Amino acid sequence: MKRLRNHLVGLDEGSVVMFSDFEDGGDMWTGTGPRLRRRAVSFSESFRSPPTVMVSLAMFDMDQKTNQRADIAAENITEEGFDLAFRTWGDTRVARVRANWFAMGELGHEDDWELY
């Protein structure tokens, strides 16, 4: 559990189109084996410390002839943003993916003092 120092709780959210590889023959659609796609996400305002971030698949379009394998995660979380990472492997063919995200954490306050 994350305990917050004061009443200033910030919530931010968004939706990101990760890729659309079926249009141009990208490796998520035509490749095999381990594949990774990253997208940098910036928060609309900085948090006081790295927030808790939750991500989910909002839309995915996959070939029905192969196994559907997918992993999505928030990585490298900082006060300013994070990396959204989508992975697949094997013979899975992924045409496109959209992800939603939600961040919750403590915000700075004008009365915060940092002497050193």
PDB file of N, CA and C in Angstrom:
ATOM      1  N   MET A   1       0.839  -1.175   0.000  1.00  0.00           N
ATOM      2  CA  MET A   1       0.000   0.000   0.000  1.00  0.00           C
ATOM      3  C   MET A   1       0.887   1.243   0.000  1.00  0.00           C
ATOM      4  N   LYS A   2       0.481   2.221  -0.743  1.00  0.00           N
ATOM      5  CA  LYS A   2       1.208   3.487  -0.803  1.00  0.00           C
ATOM      6  C   LYS A   2       0.503   4.480   0.109  1.00  0.00           C
ATOM      7  N   ARG A   3       1.234   5.006   1.093  1.00  0.00           N
ATOM      8  CA  ARG A   3       0.684   6.020   2.001  1.00  0.00           C
ATOM      9  C   ARG A   3       1.081   7.401   1.496  1.00  0.00           C
ATOM     10  N   LEU A   4       0.124   8.306   1.491  1.00  0.00           N
ATOM     11  CA  LEU A   4       0.363   9.648   0.996  1.00  0.00           C
ATOM     12  C   LEU A   4       0.541  10.608   2.170  1.00  0.00           C
ATOM     13  N   ARG A   5       1.490  11.548   2.053  1.00  0.00           N
ATOM     14  CA  ARG A   5       1.829  12.454   3.149  1.00  0.00           C
ATOM     15  C   ARG A   5       0.738  13.472   3.462  1.00  0.00           C
ATOM     16  N   ASN A   6      -0.035  13.856   2.504  1.00  0.00           N
ATOM     17  CA  ASN A   6      -1.035  14.894   2.747  1.00  0.00           C
ATOM     18  C   ASN A   6      -2.279  14.631   1.901  1.00  0.00           C
ATOM     19  N   HIS A   7      -3.143  15.593   1.889  1.00  0.00           N
ATOM     20  CA  HIS A   7      -4.422  15.440   1.186  1.00  0.00           C
ATOM     21  C   HIS A   7      -4.332  15.724  -0.312  1.00  0.00           C
ATOM     22  N   LEU A   8      -3.163  16.055  -0.805  1.00  0.00           N
ATOM     23  CA  LEU A   8      -3.036  16.411  -2.222  1.00  0.00           C
ATOM     24  C   LEU A   8      -2.804  15.171  -3.079  1.00  0.00           C
ATOM     25  N   VAL A   9      -3.879  14.538  -3.468  1.00  0.00           N
ATOM     26  CA  VAL A   9      -3.809  13.333  -4.290  1.00  0.00           C
ATOM     27  C   VAL A   9      -4.105  13.718  -5.735  1.00  0.00           C
ATOM     28  N   GLY A  10      -3.242  13.272  -6.651  1.00  0.00           N
ATOM     29  CA  GLY A  10      -3.431  13.562  -8.058  1.00  0.00           C
ATOM     30  C   GLY A  10      -3.815  12.309  -8.827  1.00  0.00           C
ATOM     31  N   LEU A  11      -4.727  12.463  -9.772  1.00  0.00           N
ATOM     32  CA  LEU A  11      -5.149  11.375 -10.659  1.00  0.00           C
ATOM     33  C   LEU A  11      -4.973  11.857 -12.089  1.00  0.00           C
ATOM     34  N   ASP A  12      -4.392  11.024 -12.923  1.00  0.00           N
ATOM     35  CA  ASP A  12      -4.217  11.359 -14.327  1.00  0.00           C
ATOM     36  C   ASP A  12      -4.549  10.108 -15.129  1.00  0.00           C
ATOM     37  N   GLU A  13      -5.006  10.252 -16.348  1.00  0.00           N
ATOM     38  CA  GLU A  13      -5.358   9.096 -17.161  1.00  0.00           C
ATOM     39  C   GLU A  13      -5.225   9.438 -18.629  1.00  0.00           C
ATOM     40  N   GLY A  14      -5.171   8.394 -19.453  1.00  0.00           N
ATOM     41  CA  GLY A  14      -5.069   8.615 -20.883  1.00  0.00           C
ATOM     42  C   GLY A  14      -5.252   7.336 -21.674  1.00  0.00           C
ATOM     43  N   SER A  15      -5.217   7.474 -22.977  1.00  0.00           N
ATOM     44  CA  SER A  15      -5.352   6.365 -23.911  1.00  0.00           C
ATOM     45  C   SER A  15      -4.291   6.555 -24.995  1.00  0.00           C
ATOM     46  N   VAL A  16      -3.591   5.467 -25.351  1.00  0.00           N
ATOM     47  CA  VAL A  16      -2.475   5.543 -26.286  1.00  0.00           C
ATOM     48  C   VAL A  16      -2.633   4.452 -27.351  1.00  0.00           C
ATOM     49  N   VAL A  17      -2.592   4.842 -28.615  1.00  0.00           N
ATOM     50  CA  VAL A  17      -2.508   3.846 -29.688  1.00  0.00           C
ATOM     51  C   VAL A  17      -1.049   3.409 -29.737  1.00  0.00           C
ATOM     52  N   MET A  18      -0.795   2.148 -29.405  1.00  0.00           N
ATOM     53  CA  MET A  18       0.578   1.636 -29.342  1.00  0.00           C
ATOM     54  C   MET A  18       1.160   1.456 -30.741  1.00  0.00           C
ATOM     55  N   PHE A  19       0.403   0.846 -31.637  1.00  0.00           N
ATOM     56  CA  PHE A  19       0.856   0.630 -33.012  1.00  0.00           C
ATOM     57  C   PHE A  19      -0.309   0.154 -33.858  1.00  0.00           C
ATOM     58  N   SER A  20      -0.117   0.183 -35.175  1.00  0.00           N
ATOM     59  CA  SER A  20      -1.073  -0.330 -36.149  1.00  0.00           C
ATOM     60  C   SER A  20      -0.252  -0.961 -37.271  1.00  0.00           C
ATOM     61  N   ASP A  21       0.315  -2.129 -36.988  1.00  0.00           N
ATOM     62  CA  ASP A  21       1.298  -2.745 -37.887  1.00  0.00           C
ATOM     63  C   ASP A  21       0.717  -3.434 -39.114  1.00  0.00           C
ATOM     64  N   PHE A  22      -0.574  -3.741 -39.149  1.00  0.00           N
ATOM     65  CA  PHE A  22      -1.131  -4.410 -40.323  1.00  0.00           C
ATOM     66  C   PHE A  22      -1.152  -3.481 -41.532  1.00  0.00           C
ATOM     67  N   GLU A  23      -1.160  -2.173 -41.307  1.00  0.00           N
ATOM     68  CA  GLU A  23      -1.215  -1.203 -42.404  1.00  0.00           C
ATOM     69  C   GLU A  23       0.087  -1.140 -43.199  1.00  0.00           C
ATOM     70  N   ASP A  24       1.224  -1.316 -42.489  1.00  0.00           N
ATOM     71  CA  ASP A  24       2.504  -1.166 -43.176  1.00  0.00           C
ATOM     72  C   ASP A  24       3.414  -2.392 -43.055  1.00  0.00           C
ATOM     73  N   GLY A  25       2.859  -3.530 -42.640  1.00  0.00           N
ATOM     74  CA  GLY A  25       3.650  -4.757 -42.560  1.00  0.00           C
ATOM     75  C   GLY A  25       4.685  -4.753 -41.455  1.00  0.00           C
ATOM     76  N   GLY A  26       4.402  -4.070 -40.343  1.00  0.00           N
ATOM     77  CA  GLY A  26       5.338  -3.998 -39.229  1.00  0.00           C
ATOM     78  C   GLY A  26       5.572  -5.348 -38.567  1.00  0.00           C
ATOM     79  N   ASP A  27       6.595  -5.419 -37.716  1.00  0.00           N
ATOM     80  CA  ASP A  27       7.023  -6.697 -37.148  1.00  0.00           C
ATOM     81  C   ASP A  27       6.013  -7.319 -36.186  1.00  0.00           C
ATOM     82  N   MET A  28       5.126  -6.555 -35.584  1.00  0.00           N
ATOM     83  CA  MET A  28       4.107  -7.164 -34.714  1.00  0.00           C
ATOM     84  C   MET A  28       3.124  -7.997 -35.542  1.00  0.00           C
ATOM     85  N   TRP A  29       2.938  -7.613 -36.803  1.00  0.00           N
ATOM     86  CA  TRP A  29       2.018  -8.324 -37.689  1.00  0.00           C
ATOM     87  C   TRP A  29       2.735  -9.407 -38.503  1.00  0.00           C
ATOM     88  N   THR A  30       3.957  -9.143 -38.936  1.00  0.00           N
ATOM     89  CA  THR A  30       4.642 -10.073 -39.832  1.00  0.00           C
ATOM     90  C   THR A  30       5.741 -10.891 -39.159  1.00  0.00           C
ATOM     91  N   GLY A  31       6.194 -10.475 -37.979  1.00  0.00           N
ATOM     92  CA  GLY A  31       7.319 -11.140 -37.327  1.00  0.00           C
ATOM     93  C   GLY A  31       6.925 -12.342 -36.481  1.00  0.00           C
ATOM     94  N   THR A  32       7.944 -13.014 -35.952  1.00  0.00           N
ATOM     95  CA  THR A  32       7.752 -14.112 -35.006  1.00  0.00           C
ATOM     96  C   THR A  32       8.782 -13.954 -33.891  1.00  0.00           C
ATOM     97  N   GLY A  33       8.595 -14.734 -32.831  1.00  0.00           N
ATOM     98  CA  GLY A  33       9.511 -14.667 -31.703  1.00  0.00           C
ATOM     99  C   GLY A  33       9.202 -13.484 -30.800  1.00  0.00           C
ATOM    100  N   PRO A  34      10.088 -13.206 -29.840  1.00  0.00           N
ATOM    101  CA  PRO A  34       9.850 -12.102 -28.905  1.00  0.00           C
ATOM    102  C   PRO A  34       9.873 -10.749 -29.620  1.00  0.00           C
ATOM    103  N   ARG A  35       8.849  -9.942 -29.342  1.00  0.00           N
ATOM    104  CA  ARG A  35       8.756  -8.590 -29.903  1.00  0.00           C
ATOM    105  C   ARG A  35       8.284  -7.631 -28.830  1.00  0.00           C
ATOM    106  N   LEU A  36       8.779  -6.418 -28.883  1.00  0.00           N
ATOM    107  CA  LEU A  36       8.475  -5.395 -27.879  1.00  0.00           C
ATOM    108  C   LEU A  36       8.213  -4.071 -28.565  1.00  0.00           C
ATOM    109  N   ARG A  37       7.202  -3.364 -28.103  1.00  0.00           N
ATOM    110  CA  ARG A  37       6.918  -2.005 -28.558  1.00  0.00           C
ATOM    111  C   ARG A  37       6.759  -1.131 -27.322  1.00  0.00           C
ATOM    112  N   ARG A  38       7.453   0.006 -27.299  1.00  0.00           N
ATOM    113  CA  ARG A  38       7.392   0.957 -26.179  1.00  0.00           C
ATOM    114  C   ARG A  38       6.860   2.299 -26.650  1.00  0.00           C
ATOM    115  N   ARG A  39       6.115   2.954 -25.755  1.00  0.00           N
ATOM    116  CA  ARG A  39       5.652   4.321 -25.997  1.00  0.00           C
ATOM    117  C   ARG A  39       5.869   5.119 -24.718  1.00  0.00           C
ATOM    118  N   ALA A  40       6.518   6.259 -24.839  1.00  0.00           N
ATOM    119  CA  ALA A  40       6.706   7.143 -23.691  1.00  0.00           C
ATOM    120  C   ALA A  40       5.413   7.903 -23.431  1.00  0.00           C
ATOM    121  N   VAL A  41       5.020   7.973 -22.161  1.00  0.00           N
ATOM    122  CA  VAL A  41       3.816   8.689 -21.746  1.00  0.00           C
ATOM    123  C   VAL A  41       4.234   9.758 -20.743  1.00  0.00           C
ATOM    124  N   SER A  42       3.781  10.986 -20.954  1.00  0.00           N
ATOM    125  CA  SER A  42       4.045  12.082 -20.025  1.00  0.00           C
ATOM    126  C   SER A  42       2.767  12.426 -19.274  1.00  0.00           C
ATOM    127  N   PHE A  43       2.882  12.648 -17.967  1.00  0.00           N
ATOM    128  CA  PHE A  43       1.731  13.068 -17.178  1.00  0.00           C
ATOM    129  C   PHE A  43       1.416  14.528 -17.495  1.00  0.00           C
ATOM    130  N   SER A  44       0.178  14.928 -17.294  1.00  0.00           N
ATOM    131  CA  SER A  44      -0.211  16.310 -17.569  1.00  0.00           C
ATOM    132  C   SER A  44       0.395  17.275 -16.554  1.00  0.00           C
ATOM    133  N   GLU A  45       0.810  16.753 -15.400  1.00  0.00           N
ATOM    134  CA  GLU A  45       1.457  17.531 -14.350  1.00  0.00           C
ATOM    135  C   GLU A  45       2.353  16.573 -13.566  1.00  0.00           C
ATOM    136  N   SER A  46       3.468  17.060 -13.056  1.00  0.00           N
ATOM    137  CA  SER A  46       4.385  16.196 -12.315  1.00  0.00           C
ATOM    138  C   SER A  46       3.811  15.815 -10.952  1.00  0.00           C
ATOM    139  N   PHE A  47       4.098  14.584 -10.537  1.00  0.00           N
ATOM    140  CA  PHE A  47       3.760  14.121  -9.191  1.00  0.00           C
ATOM    141  C   PHE A  47       4.931  14.439  -8.256  1.00  0.00           C
ATOM    142  N   ARG A  48       4.697  14.403  -6.962  1.00  0.00           N
ATOM    143  CA  ARG A  48       5.750  14.645  -5.959  1.00  0.00           C
ATOM    144  C   ARG A  48       6.747  13.502  -5.928  1.00  0.00           C
ATOM    145  N   SER A  49       6.271  12.283  -6.129  1.00  0.00           N
ATOM    146  CA  SER A  49       7.089  11.082  -6.201  1.00  0.00           C
ATOM    147  C   SER A  49       6.453  10.174  -7.252  1.00  0.00           C
ATOM    148  N   PRO A  50       7.150   9.130  -7.691  1.00  0.00           N
ATOM    149  CA  PRO A  50       6.562   8.264  -8.714  1.00  0.00           C
ATOM    150  C   PRO A  50       5.203   7.711  -8.263  1.00  0.00           C
ATOM    151  N   PRO A  51       4.168   7.900  -9.067  1.00  0.00           N
ATOM    152  CA  PRO A  51       2.824   7.440  -8.700  1.00  0.00           C
ATOM    153  C   PRO A  51       2.643   5.940  -8.965  1.00  0.00           C
ATOM    154  N   THR A  52       1.519   5.439  -8.539  1.00  0.00           N
ATOM    155  CA  THR A  52       1.090   4.092  -8.908  1.00  0.00           C
ATOM    156  C   THR A  52       0.414   4.197 -10.269  1.00  0.00           C
ATOM    157  N   VAL A  53       0.810   3.339 -11.207  1.00  0.00           N
ATOM    158  CA  VAL A  53       0.262   3.388 -12.567  1.00  0.00           C
ATOM    159  C   VAL A  53      -0.347   2.034 -12.914  1.00  0.00           C
ATOM    160  N   MET A  54      -1.550   2.064 -13.452  1.00  0.00           N
ATOM    161  CA  MET A  54      -2.239   0.855 -13.907  1.00  0.00           C
ATOM    162  C   MET A  54      -2.489   0.988 -15.404  1.00  0.00           C
ATOM    163  N   VAL A  55      -2.211  -0.082 -16.157  1.00  0.00           N
ATOM    164  CA  VAL A  55      -2.451  -0.068 -17.599  1.00  0.00           C
ATOM    165  C   VAL A  55      -3.338  -1.252 -17.979  1.00  0.00           C
ATOM    166  N   SER A  56      -4.055  -1.100 -19.077  1.00  0.00           N
ATOM    167  CA  SER A  56      -4.912  -2.184 -19.568  1.00  0.00           C
ATOM    168  C   SER A  56      -5.028  -2.086 -21.086  1.00  0.00           C
ATOM    169  N   LEU A  57      -5.335  -3.205 -21.709  1.00  0.00           N
ATOM    170  CA  LEU A  57      -5.615  -3.214 -23.141  1.00  0.00           C
ATOM    171  C   LEU A  57      -7.023  -2.665 -23.348  1.00  0.00           C
ATOM    172  N   ALA A  58      -7.143  -1.618 -24.125  1.00  0.00           N
ATOM    173  CA  ALA A  58      -8.447  -1.038 -24.421  1.00  0.00           C
ATOM    174  C   ALA A  58      -8.991  -1.599 -25.732  1.00  0.00           C
ATOM    175  N   MET A  59      -8.071  -1.945 -26.648  1.00  0.00           N
ATOM    176  CA  MET A  59      -8.451  -2.521 -27.930  1.00  0.00           C
ATOM    177  C   MET A  59      -7.277  -3.328 -28.441  1.00  0.00           C
ATOM    178  N   PHE A  60      -7.553  -4.519 -28.935  1.00  0.00           N
ATOM    179  CA  PHE A  60      -6.516  -5.291 -29.608  1.00  0.00           C
ATOM    180  C   PHE A  60      -7.141  -6.011 -30.784  1.00  0.00           C
ATOM    181  N   ASP A  61      -6.362  -6.134 -31.834  1.00  0.00           N
ATOM    182  CA  ASP A  61      -6.787  -6.779 -33.069  1.00  0.00           C
ATOM    183  C   ASP A  61      -5.715  -7.806 -33.405  1.00  0.00           C
ATOM    184  N   MET A  62      -6.060  -9.103 -33.268  1.00  0.00           N
ATOM    185  CA  MET A  62      -5.091 -10.180 -33.480  1.00  0.00           C
ATOM    186  C   MET A  62      -5.628 -11.193 -34.476  1.00  0.00           C
ATOM    187  N   ASP A  63      -4.707 -11.831 -35.169  1.00  0.00           N
ATOM    188  CA  ASP A  63      -5.041 -12.884 -36.124  1.00  0.00           C
ATOM    189  C   ASP A  63      -5.627 -14.070 -35.374  1.00  0.00           C
ATOM    190  N   GLN A  64      -6.742 -14.616 -35.860  1.00  0.00           N
ATOM    191  CA  GLN A  64      -7.388 -15.749 -35.196  1.00  0.00           C
ATOM    192  C   GLN A  64      -6.703 -17.085 -35.511  1.00  0.00           C
ATOM    193  N   LYS A  65      -5.768 -17.119 -36.449  1.00  0.00           N
ATOM    194  CA  LYS A  65      -5.118 -18.372 -36.854  1.00  0.00           C
ATOM    195  C   LYS A  65      -3.933 -18.740 -35.961  1.00  0.00           C
ATOM    196  N   THR A  66      -3.512 -17.817 -35.079  1.00  0.00           N
ATOM    197  CA  THR A  66      -2.373 -18.082 -34.195  1.00  0.00           C
ATOM    198  C   THR A  66      -2.796 -17.847 -32.748  1.00  0.00           C
ATOM    199  N   ASN A  67      -2.003 -18.330 -31.819  1.00  0.00           N
ATOM    200  CA  ASN A  67      -2.280 -18.088 -30.402  1.00  0.00           C
ATOM    201  C   ASN A  67      -2.213 -16.592 -30.112  1.00  0.00           C
ATOM    202  N   GLN A  68      -3.072 -16.160 -29.218  1.00  0.00           N
ATOM    203  CA  GLN A  68      -3.098 -14.746 -28.836  1.00  0.00           C
ATOM    204  C   GLN A  68      -2.301 -14.570 -27.550  1.00  0.00           C
ATOM    205  N   ARG A  69      -1.089 -14.055 -27.681  1.00  0.00           N
ATOM    206  CA  ARG A  69      -0.181 -13.854 -26.551  1.00  0.00           C
ATOM    207  C   ARG A  69       0.093 -12.364 -26.415  1.00  0.00           C
ATOM    208  N   ALA A  70      -0.091 -11.829 -25.210  1.00  0.00           N
ATOM    209  CA  ALA A  70       0.135 -10.402 -25.001  1.00  0.00           C
ATOM    210  C   ALA A  70       0.505 -10.129 -23.554  1.00  0.00           C
ATOM    211  N   ASP A  71       1.399  -9.175 -23.372  1.00  0.00           N
ATOM    212  CA  ASP A  71       1.787  -8.692 -22.053  1.00  0.00           C
ATOM    213  C   ASP A  71       1.907  -7.185 -22.155  1.00  0.00           C
ATOM    214  N   ILE A  72       1.267  -6.466 -21.237  1.00  0.00           N
ATOM    215  CA  ILE A  72       1.338  -5.010 -21.241  1.00  0.00           C
ATOM    216  C   ILE A  72       1.690  -4.548 -19.834  1.00  0.00           C
ATOM    217  N   ALA A  73       2.567  -3.540 -19.734  1.00  0.00           N
ATOM    218  CA  ALA A  73       3.031  -3.089 -18.426  1.00  0.00           C
ATOM    219  C   ALA A  73       3.474  -1.638 -18.470  1.00  0.00           C
ATOM    220  N   ALA A  74       3.435  -0.996 -17.295  1.00  0.00           N
ATOM    221  CA  ALA A  74       4.030   0.329 -17.095  1.00  0.00           C
ATOM    222  C   ALA A  74       5.431   0.098 -16.546  1.00  0.00           C
ATOM    223  N   GLU A  75       6.425   0.683 -17.194  1.00  0.00           N
ATOM    224  CA  GLU A  75       7.816   0.516 -16.771  1.00  0.00           C
ATOM    225  C   GLU A  75       8.483   1.879 -16.649  1.00  0.00           C
ATOM    226  N   ASN A  76       9.588   1.921 -15.893  1.00  0.00           N
ATOM    227  CA  ASN A  76      10.381   3.150 -15.745  1.00  0.00           C
ATOM    228  C   ASN A  76       9.522   4.330 -15.288  1.00  0.00           C
ATOM    229  N   ILE A  77       8.720   4.126 -14.257  1.00  0.00           N
ATOM    230  CA  ILE A  77       7.809   5.161 -13.758  1.00  0.00           C
ATOM    231  C   ILE A  77       8.594   6.230 -12.997  1.00  0.00           C
ATOM    232  N   THR A  78       8.374   7.483 -13.372  1.00  0.00           N
ATOM    233  CA  THR A  78       8.983   8.632 -12.692  1.00  0.00           C
ATOM    234  C   THR A  78       7.876   9.619 -12.329  1.00  0.00           C
ATOM    235  N   GLU A  79       8.270  10.739 -11.733  1.00  0.00           N
ATOM    236  CA  GLU A  79       7.316  11.786 -11.387  1.00  0.00           C
ATOM    237  C   GLU A  79       6.694  12.430 -12.630  1.00  0.00           C
ATOM    238  N   GLU A  80       7.398  12.368 -13.758  1.00  0.00           N
ATOM    239  CA  GLU A  80       6.940  13.036 -14.988  1.00  0.00           C
ATOM    240  C   GLU A  80       6.226  12.119 -15.979  1.00  0.00           C
ATOM    241  N   GLY A  81       6.436  10.803 -15.883  1.00  0.00           N
ATOM    242  CA  GLY A  81       5.818   9.899 -16.846  1.00  0.00           C
ATOM    243  C   GLY A  81       6.315   8.479 -16.702  1.00  0.00           C
ATOM    244  N   PHE A  82       6.088   7.670 -17.724  1.00  0.00           N
ATOM    245  CA  PHE A  82       6.470   6.255 -17.703  1.00  0.00           C
ATOM    246  C   PHE A  82       6.552   5.728 -19.129  1.00  0.00           C
ATOM    247  N   ASP A  83       7.059   4.517 -19.267  1.00  0.00           N
ATOM    248  CA  ASP A  83       7.071   3.820 -20.554  1.00  0.00           C
ATOM    249  C   ASP A  83       5.963   2.783 -20.554  1.00  0.00           C
ATOM    250  N   LEU A  84       5.156   2.807 -21.582  1.00  0.00           N
ATOM    251  CA  LEU A  84       4.129   1.800 -21.799  1.00  0.00           C
ATOM    252  C   LEU A  84       4.757   0.729 -22.677  1.00  0.00           C
ATOM    253  N   ALA A  85       4.802  -0.519 -22.199  1.00  0.00           N
ATOM    254  CA  ALA A  85       5.484  -1.596 -22.924  1.00  0.00           C
ATOM    255  C   ALA A  85       4.499  -2.704 -23.270  1.00  0.00           C
ATOM    256  N   PHE A  86       4.438  -3.065 -24.557  1.00  0.00           N
ATOM    257  CA  PHE A  86       3.621  -4.174 -25.033  1.00  0.00           C
ATOM    258  C   PHE A  86       4.544  -5.238 -25.597  1.00  0.00           C
ATOM    259  N   ARG A  87       4.342  -6.478 -25.162  1.00  0.00           N
ATOM    260  CA  ARG A  87       5.159  -7.597 -25.639  1.00  0.00           C
ATOM    261  C   ARG A  87       4.271  -8.715 -26.171  1.00  0.00           C
ATOM    262  N   THR A  88       4.815  -9.397 -27.182  1.00  0.00           N
ATOM    263  CA  THR A  88       4.221 -10.638 -27.664  1.00  0.00           C
ATOM    264  C   THR A  88       5.357 -11.562 -28.066  1.00  0.00           C
ATOM    265  N   TRP A  89       5.049 -12.818 -28.382  1.00  0.00           N
ATOM    266  CA  TRP A  89       6.086 -13.799 -28.687  1.00  0.00           C
ATOM    267  C   TRP A  89       5.481 -14.935 -29.511  1.00  0.00           C
ATOM    268  N   GLY A  90       6.340 -15.857 -29.893  1.00  0.00           N
ATOM    269  CA  GLY A  90       5.893 -17.001 -30.694  1.00  0.00           C
ATOM    270  C   GLY A  90       5.415 -16.552 -32.066  1.00  0.00           C
ATOM    271  N   ASP A  91       4.359 -17.201 -32.551  1.00  0.00           N
ATOM    272  CA  ASP A  91       3.829 -16.900 -33.883  1.00  0.00           C
ATOM    273  C   ASP A  91       2.646 -15.925 -33.845  1.00  0.00           C
ATOM    274  N   THR A  92       2.391 -15.321 -32.700  1.00  0.00           N
ATOM    275  CA  THR A  92       1.272 -14.387 -32.561  1.00  0.00           C
ATOM    276  C   THR A  92       1.396 -13.235 -33.551  1.00  0.00           C
ATOM    277  N   ARG A  93       0.276 -12.911 -34.195  1.00  0.00           N
ATOM    278  CA  ARG A  93       0.220 -11.798 -35.151  1.00  0.00           C
ATOM    279  C   ARG A  93      -0.711 -10.733 -34.589  1.00  0.00           C
ATOM    280  N   VAL A  94      -0.144  -9.574 -34.256  1.00  0.00           N
ATOM    281  CA  VAL A  94      -0.915  -8.481 -33.664  1.00  0.00           C
ATOM    282  C   VAL A  94      -1.011  -7.348 -34.679  1.00  0.00           C
ATOM    283  N   ALA A  95      -2.232  -7.032 -35.083  1.00  0.00           N
ATOM    284  CA  ALA A  95      -2.446  -5.974 -36.071  1.00  0.00           C
ATOM    285  C   ALA A  95      -2.338  -4.597 -35.437  1.00  0.00           C
ATOM    286  N   ARG A  96      -2.999  -4.407 -34.284  1.00  0.00           N
ATOM    287  CA  ARG A  96      -2.971  -3.100 -33.621  1.00  0.00           C
ATOM    288  C   ARG A  96      -3.388  -3.239 -32.166  1.00  0.00           C
ATOM    289  N   VAL A  97      -2.944  -2.243 -31.385  1.00  0.00           N
ATOM    290  CA  VAL A  97      -3.217  -2.230 -29.950  1.00  0.00           C
ATOM    291  C   VAL A  97      -3.415  -0.795 -29.483  1.00  0.00           C
ATOM    292  N   ARG A  98      -4.421  -0.609 -28.625  1.00  0.00           N
ATOM    293  CA  ARG A  98      -4.608   0.653 -27.908  1.00  0.00           C
ATOM    294  C   ARG A  98      -4.633   0.318 -26.424  1.00  0.00           C
ATOM    295  N   ALA A  99      -3.969   1.135 -25.613  1.00  0.00           N
ATOM    296  CA  ALA A  99      -3.900   0.901 -24.175  1.00  0.00           C
ATOM    297  C   ALA A  99      -4.434   2.106 -23.413  1.00  0.00           C
ATOM    298  N   ASN A 100      -5.117   1.846 -22.301  1.00  0.00           N
ATOM    299  CA  ASN A 100      -5.540   2.894 -21.385  1.00  0.00           C
ATOM    300  C   ASN A 100      -4.645   2.845 -20.156  1.00  0.00           C
ATOM    301  N   TRP A 101      -4.441   3.989 -19.512  1.00  0.00           N
ATOM    302  CA  TRP A 101      -3.621   4.049 -18.305  1.00  0.00           C
ATOM    303  C   TRP A 101      -4.240   5.004 -17.296  1.00  0.00           C
ATOM    304  N   PHE A 102      -3.889   4.749 -16.036  1.00  0.00           N
ATOM    305  CA  PHE A 102      -4.390   5.533 -14.907  1.00  0.00           C
ATOM    306  C   PHE A 102      -3.265   5.667 -13.894  1.00  0.00           C
ATOM    307  N   ALA A 103      -2.989   6.886 -13.441  1.00  0.00           N
ATOM    308  CA  ALA A 103      -1.928   7.121 -12.462  1.00  0.00           C
ATOM    309  C   ALA A 103      -2.506   7.851 -11.249  1.00  0.00           C
ATOM    310  N   MET A 104      -2.060   7.427 -10.062  1.00  0.00           N
ATOM    311  CA  MET A 104      -2.509   8.051  -8.821  1.00  0.00           C
ATOM    312  C   MET A 104      -1.317   8.229  -7.894  1.00  0.00           C
ATOM    313  N   GLY A 105      -1.161   9.432  -7.375  1.00  0.00           N
ATOM    314  CA  GLY A 105      -0.056   9.693  -6.471  1.00  0.00           C
ATOM    315  C   GLY A 105      -0.161  11.048  -5.814  1.00  0.00           C
ATOM    316  N   GLU A 106       0.852  11.353  -5.041  1.00  0.00           N
ATOM    317  CA  GLU A 106       0.880  12.588  -4.284  1.00  0.00           C
ATOM    318  C   GLU A 106       1.386  13.746  -5.144  1.00  0.00           C
ATOM    319  N   LEU A 107       0.728  14.886  -5.013  1.00  0.00           N
ATOM    320  CA  LEU A 107       1.137  16.095  -5.711  1.00  0.00           C
ATOM    321  C   LEU A 107       1.946  16.981  -4.781  1.00  0.00           C
ATOM    322  N   GLY A 108       2.797  17.813  -5.357  1.00  0.00           N
ATOM    323  CA  GLY A 108       3.521  18.797  -4.578  1.00  0.00           C
ATOM    324  C   GLY A 108       2.577  19.901  -4.123  1.00  0.00           C
ATOM    325  N   HIS A 109       3.029  20.682  -3.155  1.00  0.00           N
ATOM    326  CA  HIS A 109       2.240  21.786  -2.631  1.00  0.00           C
ATOM    327  C   HIS A 109       3.124  23.009  -2.542  1.00  0.00           C
ATOM    328  N   GLU A 110       2.544  24.186  -2.707  1.00  0.00           N
ATOM    329  CA  GLU A 110       3.333  25.420  -2.673  1.00  0.00           C
ATOM    330  C   GLU A 110       4.004  25.653  -1.321  1.00  0.00           C
ATOM    331  N   ASP A 111       3.515  25.025  -0.255  1.00  0.00           N
ATOM    332  CA  ASP A 111       4.115  25.172   1.067  1.00  0.00           C
ATOM    333  C   ASP A 111       5.205  24.144   1.341  1.00  0.00           C
ATOM    334  N   ASP A 112       5.473  23.255   0.406  1.00  0.00           N
ATOM    335  CA  ASP A 112       6.560  22.271   0.597  1.00  0.00           C
ATOM    336  C   ASP A 112       7.898  23.007   0.634  1.00  0.00           C
ATOM    337  N   TRP A 113       8.716  22.644   1.593  1.00  0.00           N
ATOM    338  CA  TRP A 113      10.045  23.244   1.749  1.00  0.00           C
ATOM    339  C   TRP A 113      11.094  22.212   1.457  1.00  0.00           C
ATOM    340  N   GLU A 114      12.078  22.588   0.682  1.00  0.00           N
ATOM    341  CA  GLU A 114      13.241  21.745   0.457  1.00  0.00           C
ATOM    342  C   GLU A 114      14.461  22.614   0.710  1.00  0.00           C
ATOM    343  N   LEU A 115      15.058  22.468   1.913  1.00  0.00           N
ATOM    344  CA  LEU A 115      16.164  23.319   2.305  1.00  0.00           C
ATOM    345  C   LEU A 115      17.492  22.893   1.703  1.00  0.00           C
ATOM    346  N   TYR A 116      17.675  21.601   1.500  1.00  0.00           N
ATOM    347  CA  TYR A 116      18.977  21.109   1.009  1.00  0.00           C
ATOM    348  C   TYR A 116      18.794  20.199  -0.149  1.00  0.00           C
TER     349      TYR A 116
END
